[in-house]
């Protein structure tokens, strides 16, 4: 029967027996052989523990882990707040537009101030500003 066709338990026993024979040939005492056997038995569990620890650290601190998720939640909250402020601003501007459309005097004030529109019977005089001083209209556009 070939070695690879033996059940796993028998292969392990064969491997241990052959390693014990070689260790007695190398002059290892029985206590050292026992320690080496226990270390071999615990090696898969140790490797699994190291891999699990690495994955745990990655999940907690990685960009796609818990820290990343919390960061994305903060960004989402900030974006929602900014969106809410913009929606409110849009609503105020729409109200102002509706008020201007309904009030001809207010529309005329805005047209005169922003586009410098005049009535046919009016004359506009533009005076030079004194050097170093700003005019009242430049400091208070409203």
Protein backbone atom coordinates (compact mmCIF):
# COMPACT_ATOMS: atom_id res chain seq x y z
CA UNK A 1 0.00 0.00 0.00
CA UNK A 2 1.34 3.44 -0.94
CA UNK A 3 1.98 6.03 1.75
CA UNK A 4 -0.47 8.56 0.23
CA UNK A 5 -3.34 6.08 0.34
CA UNK A 6 -3.04 5.60 4.10
CA UNK A 7 -5.61 7.40 6.27
CA UNK A 8 -4.42 10.68 7.73
CA UNK A 9 -4.12 9.35 11.27
CA UNK A 10 -1.86 6.50 10.14
CA UNK A 11 0.27 8.89 8.03
CA UNK A 12 0.70 11.16 11.06
CA UNK A 13 1.68 8.18 13.25
CA UNK A 14 4.16 7.04 10.60
CA UNK A 15 5.59 10.57 10.36
CA UNK A 16 5.93 10.85 14.14
CA UNK A 17 7.55 7.46 14.39
CA UNK A 18 10.04 8.31 11.66
CA UNK A 19 10.78 11.69 13.23
CA UNK A 20 11.25 10.05 16.64
CA UNK A 21 13.66 7.53 15.14
CA UNK A 22 15.67 10.32 13.53
CA UNK A 23 15.62 12.37 16.74
CA UNK A 24 16.98 9.44 18.76
CA UNK A 25 19.66 9.08 16.15
CA UNK A 26 20.46 12.78 16.57
CA UNK A 27 20.76 12.34 20.31
CA UNK A 28 17.64 14.24 21.50
CA UNK A 29 16.39 13.31 24.90
CA UNK A 30 12.76 12.14 25.36
CA UNK A 31 11.64 15.46 26.95
CA UNK A 32 12.89 17.43 23.95
CA UNK A 33 11.13 15.01 21.58
CA UNK A 34 7.88 15.51 23.48
CA UNK A 35 8.23 19.31 23.28
CA UNK A 36 8.87 19.12 19.54
CA UNK A 37 5.87 16.86 19.01
CA UNK A 38 3.60 19.21 20.96
CA UNK A 39 4.92 22.16 18.98
CA UNK A 40 4.16 20.32 15.73
CA UNK A 41 0.66 19.56 16.97
CA UNK A 42 0.03 23.19 17.92
CA UNK A 43 1.53 24.77 14.77
CA UNK A 44 -1.72 24.79 12.72
CA UNK A 45 -3.61 26.40 15.60
CA UNK A 46 -0.87 29.02 15.99
CA UNK A 47 -0.94 29.83 12.28
CA UNK A 48 -4.72 30.10 12.41
CA UNK A 49 -4.49 32.42 15.44
CA UNK A 50 -1.98 34.68 13.66
CA UNK A 51 -4.15 34.86 10.53
CA UNK A 52 -7.23 35.62 12.64
CA UNK A 53 -5.37 38.37 14.51
CA UNK A 54 -4.20 39.90 11.23
CA UNK A 55 -7.72 39.83 9.81
CA UNK A 56 -9.12 41.32 13.01
CA UNK A 57 -6.66 44.20 12.92
CA UNK A 58 -7.37 44.77 9.25
CA UNK A 59 -11.13 44.82 9.85
CA UNK A 60 -10.80 47.29 12.71
CA UNK A 61 -8.27 49.68 11.19
CA UNK A 62 -8.39 49.21 7.40
CA UNK A 63 -9.95 51.61 4.91
CA UNK A 64 -12.72 49.12 4.18
CA UNK A 65 -13.03 48.06 7.81
CA UNK A 66 -14.77 49.54 10.82
CA UNK A 67 -12.73 52.76 10.77
CA UNK A 68 -13.59 53.27 7.11
CA UNK A 69 -17.27 52.69 7.73
CA UNK A 70 -17.31 55.20 10.61
CA UNK A 71 -15.47 57.74 8.44
CA UNK A 72 -18.00 57.26 5.64
CA UNK A 73 -20.86 57.71 8.12
CA UNK A 74 -19.36 61.04 9.22
CA UNK A 75 -18.96 62.16 5.59
CA UNK A 76 -22.55 61.15 4.85
CA UNK A 77 -23.80 63.13 7.84
CA UNK A 78 -21.85 66.22 6.73
CA UNK A 79 -23.15 65.85 3.17
CA UNK A 80 -26.74 65.58 4.44
CA UNK A 81 -26.30 68.72 6.53
CA UNK A 82 -24.81 70.61 3.57
CA UNK A 83 -27.64 69.39 1.37
CA UNK A 84 -30.21 70.54 3.93
CA UNK A 85 -28.62 74.00 4.07
CA UNK A 86 -28.65 74.23 0.26
CA UNK A 87 -32.32 73.18 0.11
CA UNK A 88 -33.16 75.92 2.61
CA UNK A 89 -31.17 78.48 0.60
CA UNK A 90 -32.95 77.46 -2.59
CA UNK A 91 -36.32 77.83 -0.85
CA UNK A 92 -35.39 81.34 0.37
CA UNK A 93 -34.25 82.36 -3.12
CA UNK A 94 -37.48 81.02 -4.66
CA UNK A 95 -39.50 83.00 -2.12
CA UNK A 96 -37.50 86.12 -2.94
CA UNK A 97 -38.06 85.59 -6.68
CA UNK A 98 -41.80 85.19 -6.14
CA UNK A 99 -41.88 88.35 -3.99
CA UNK A 100 -39.99 90.31 -6.68
CA UNK A 101 -42.34 89.08 -9.41
CA UNK A 102 -45.36 90.26 -7.40
CA UNK A 103 -43.94 93.64 -6.30
CA UNK A 104 -43.19 96.04 -9.19
CA UNK A 105 -41.53 98.64 -6.94
CA UNK A 106 -39.07 96.10 -5.60
CA UNK A 107 -38.34 94.91 -9.15
CA UNK A 108 -37.68 98.50 -10.18
CA UNK A 109 -35.31 99.05 -7.23
CA UNK A 110 -33.30 95.98 -8.16
CA UNK A 111 -33.19 96.96 -11.84
CA UNK A 112 -31.99 100.49 -10.99
CA UNK A 113 -29.36 99.28 -8.57
CA UNK A 114 -27.92 96.35 -10.54
CA UNK A 115 -28.41 97.36 -14.18
CA UNK A 116 -28.30 101.16 -13.69
CA UNK A 117 -31.61 101.51 -15.51
CA UNK A 118 -33.25 104.95 -15.64
CA UNK A 119 -36.59 106.34 -16.69
CA UNK A 120 -36.74 108.42 -19.87
CA UNK A 121 -37.15 111.70 -17.95
CA UNK A 122 -34.24 111.03 -15.53
CA UNK A 123 -30.58 112.00 -15.85
CA UNK A 124 -27.83 110.16 -13.99
CA UNK A 125 -24.73 111.97 -12.82
CA UNK A 126 -21.74 109.83 -11.95
CA UNK A 127 -19.33 111.67 -9.72
CA UNK A 128 -15.69 110.62 -9.33
CA UNK A 129 -14.89 109.09 -5.99
CA UNK A 130 -12.39 110.85 -3.75
CA UNK A 131 -9.04 109.05 -3.66
CA UNK A 132 -8.67 106.61 -0.74
CA UNK A 133 -12.35 106.64 0.21
CA UNK A 134 -15.07 104.25 -0.76
CA UNK A 135 -18.53 105.48 -1.49
CA UNK A 136 -21.55 104.48 0.58
CA UNK A 137 -22.96 102.46 -2.33
CA UNK A 138 -19.74 100.44 -2.62
CA UNK A 139 -19.71 99.55 1.08
CA UNK A 140 -23.44 98.91 1.37
CA UNK A 141 -24.83 97.40 -1.85
CA UNK A 142 -28.20 96.59 -0.26
